[in-house]
C-alpha atoms as a PDB file:
ATOM      1  CA  MET A   1      -7.446  10.132  17.315  1.00  0.00           C
ATOM      2  CA  ALA A   2      -5.457  11.240  14.243  1.00  0.00           C
ATOM      3  CA  GLU A   3      -6.493  10.000  10.683  1.00  0.00           C
ATOM      4  CA  ARG A   4      -3.784   7.871   9.026  1.00  0.00           C
ATOM      5  CA  GLU A   5      -2.293   9.154   5.704  1.00  0.00           C
ATOM      6  CA  THR A   6      -3.338   7.440   2.694  1.00  0.00           C
ATOM      7  CA  LEU A   7      -1.699   7.098  -0.744  1.00  0.00           C
ATOM      8  CA  THR A   8      -3.160   6.088  -4.118  1.00  0.00           C
ATOM      9  CA  THR A   9      -1.978   2.833  -5.665  1.00  0.00           C
ATOM     10  CA  LYS A  10       0.121   4.778  -8.147  1.00  0.00           C
ATOM     11  CA  GLU A  11       1.838   6.822  -5.210  1.00  0.00           C
ATOM     12  CA  ALA A  12       2.455   3.643  -3.185  1.00  0.00           C
ATOM     13  CA  GLY A  13       3.796   1.896  -6.401  1.00  0.00           C
ATOM     14  CA  GLU A  14       6.279   4.785  -6.997  1.00  0.00           C
ATOM     15  CA  LEU A  15       7.632   4.744  -3.397  1.00  0.00           C
ATOM     16  CA  LEU A  16       7.889   0.747  -3.591  1.00  0.00           C
ATOM     17  CA  GLY A  17       9.272   0.511  -7.263  1.00  0.00           C
ATOM     18  CA  VAL A  18       6.203  -1.643  -8.307  1.00  0.00           C
ATOM     19  CA  SER A  19       3.180  -1.135 -10.506  1.00  0.00           C
ATOM     20  CA  ALA A  20      -0.293   0.025  -9.174  1.00  0.00           C
ATOM     21  CA  THR A  21      -1.701  -3.334  -9.953  1.00  0.00           C
ATOM     22  CA  THR A  22       1.097  -5.055  -7.815  1.00  0.00           C
ATOM     23  CA  ILE A  23       0.117  -2.751  -4.912  1.00  0.00           C
ATOM     24  CA  THR A  24      -3.622  -3.963  -5.190  1.00  0.00           C
ATOM     25  CA  ARG A  25      -2.307  -7.551  -5.122  1.00  0.00           C
ATOM     26  CA  MET A  26      -0.254  -6.749  -2.063  1.00  0.00           C
ATOM     27  CA  VAL A  27      -3.302  -5.359  -0.375  1.00  0.00           C
ATOM     28  CA  GLY A  28      -5.173  -8.588  -1.270  1.00  0.00           C
ATOM     29  CA  ALA A  29      -2.206 -10.709   0.122  1.00  0.00           C
ATOM     30  CA  LYS A  30      -2.289  -8.604   3.367  1.00  0.00           C
ATOM     31  CA  GLU A  31       1.387  -7.335   2.628  1.00  0.00           C
ATOM     32  CA  LEU A  32       0.033  -3.774   2.691  1.00  0.00           C
ATOM     33  CA  GLU A  33      -2.831  -2.251   4.583  1.00  0.00           C
ATOM     34  CA  GLY A  34      -5.359  -0.590   2.381  1.00  0.00           C
ATOM     35  CA  PHE A  35      -9.069  -0.311   1.509  1.00  0.00           C
ATOM     36  CA  LYS A  36     -11.288   0.296  -1.419  1.00  0.00           C
ATOM     37  CA  LEU A  37     -13.234   3.800  -1.487  1.00  0.00           C
ATOM     38  CA  ASN A  38     -16.373   1.983  -2.289  1.00  0.00           C
ATOM     39  CA  PRO A  39     -16.235  -1.605  -1.162  1.00  0.00           C
ATOM     40  CA  HIS A  40     -19.373  -2.428  -3.038  1.00  0.00           C
ATOM     41  CA  ARG A  41     -18.109  -1.255  -6.474  1.00  0.00           C
ATOM     42  CA  ARG A  42     -16.009  -3.768  -8.340  1.00  0.00           C
ATOM     43  CA  ASN A  43     -13.524  -1.214  -9.852  1.00  0.00           C
ATOM     44  CA  SER A  44     -13.326   1.033  -6.846  1.00  0.00           C
ATOM     45  CA  PRO A  45      -9.940   2.682  -6.414  1.00  0.00           C
ATOM     46  CA  PHE A  46      -7.934   1.585  -3.465  1.00  0.00           C
ATOM     47  CA  ARG A  47      -6.338   3.750  -0.889  1.00  0.00           C
ATOM     48  CA  ILE A  48      -3.218   2.448   0.940  1.00  0.00           C
ATOM     49  CA  PHE A  49      -2.105   3.450   4.470  1.00  0.00           C
ATOM     50  CA  ARG A  50       1.205   5.415   4.228  1.00  0.00           C
ATOM     51  CA  ASP A  51       2.441   3.816   7.475  1.00  0.00           C
ATOM     52  CA  SER A  52       2.084   0.186   5.889  1.00  0.00           C
ATOM     53  CA  VAL A  53       4.205   1.390   2.961  1.00  0.00           C
ATOM     54  CA  ASP A  54       6.808   2.889   5.501  1.00  0.00           C
ATOM     55  CA  LYS A  55       6.863  -0.387   7.347  1.00  0.00           C
ATOM     56  CA  LEU A  56       7.351  -2.492   4.124  1.00  0.00           C
ATOM     57  CA  LEU A  57      10.229  -0.268   3.042  1.00  0.00           C
ATOM     58  CA  LYS A  58      11.857  -0.482   6.496  1.00  0.00           C
ATOM     59  CA  ARG A  59      11.674  -4.203   6.335  1.00  0.00           C
ATOM     60  CA  ARG A  60      13.213  -4.360   2.956  1.00  0.00           C
ATOM     61  CA  HIS A  61      15.905  -1.967   4.139  1.00  0.00           C
ATOM     62  CA  ASP A  62      16.610  -4.171   7.182  1.00  0.00           C
ATOM     63  CA  GLU A  63      16.729  -7.109   5.185  1.00  0.00           C
ATOM     64  CA  THR A  64      19.469  -5.690   2.812  1.00  0.00           C
ATOM     65  CA  LEU A  65      21.627  -4.959   5.907  1.00  0.00           C
ATOM     66  CA  SER A  66      21.493  -8.470   7.145  1.00  0.00           C
END
């Protein structure tokens, strides 16, 4: 099974046009799929799955066409 490509919160934010903080909130709200590199550390950085960013971008694009 192939590994899923991941992005930093900054990279995901640049693709979606939002801040890294917003990306972290979106993961918490289950709008994006991601994980903490070290779940036991409070300020551990997140990684966001690229395919979840792509799905959100597609949904946004489809909504603008409706």
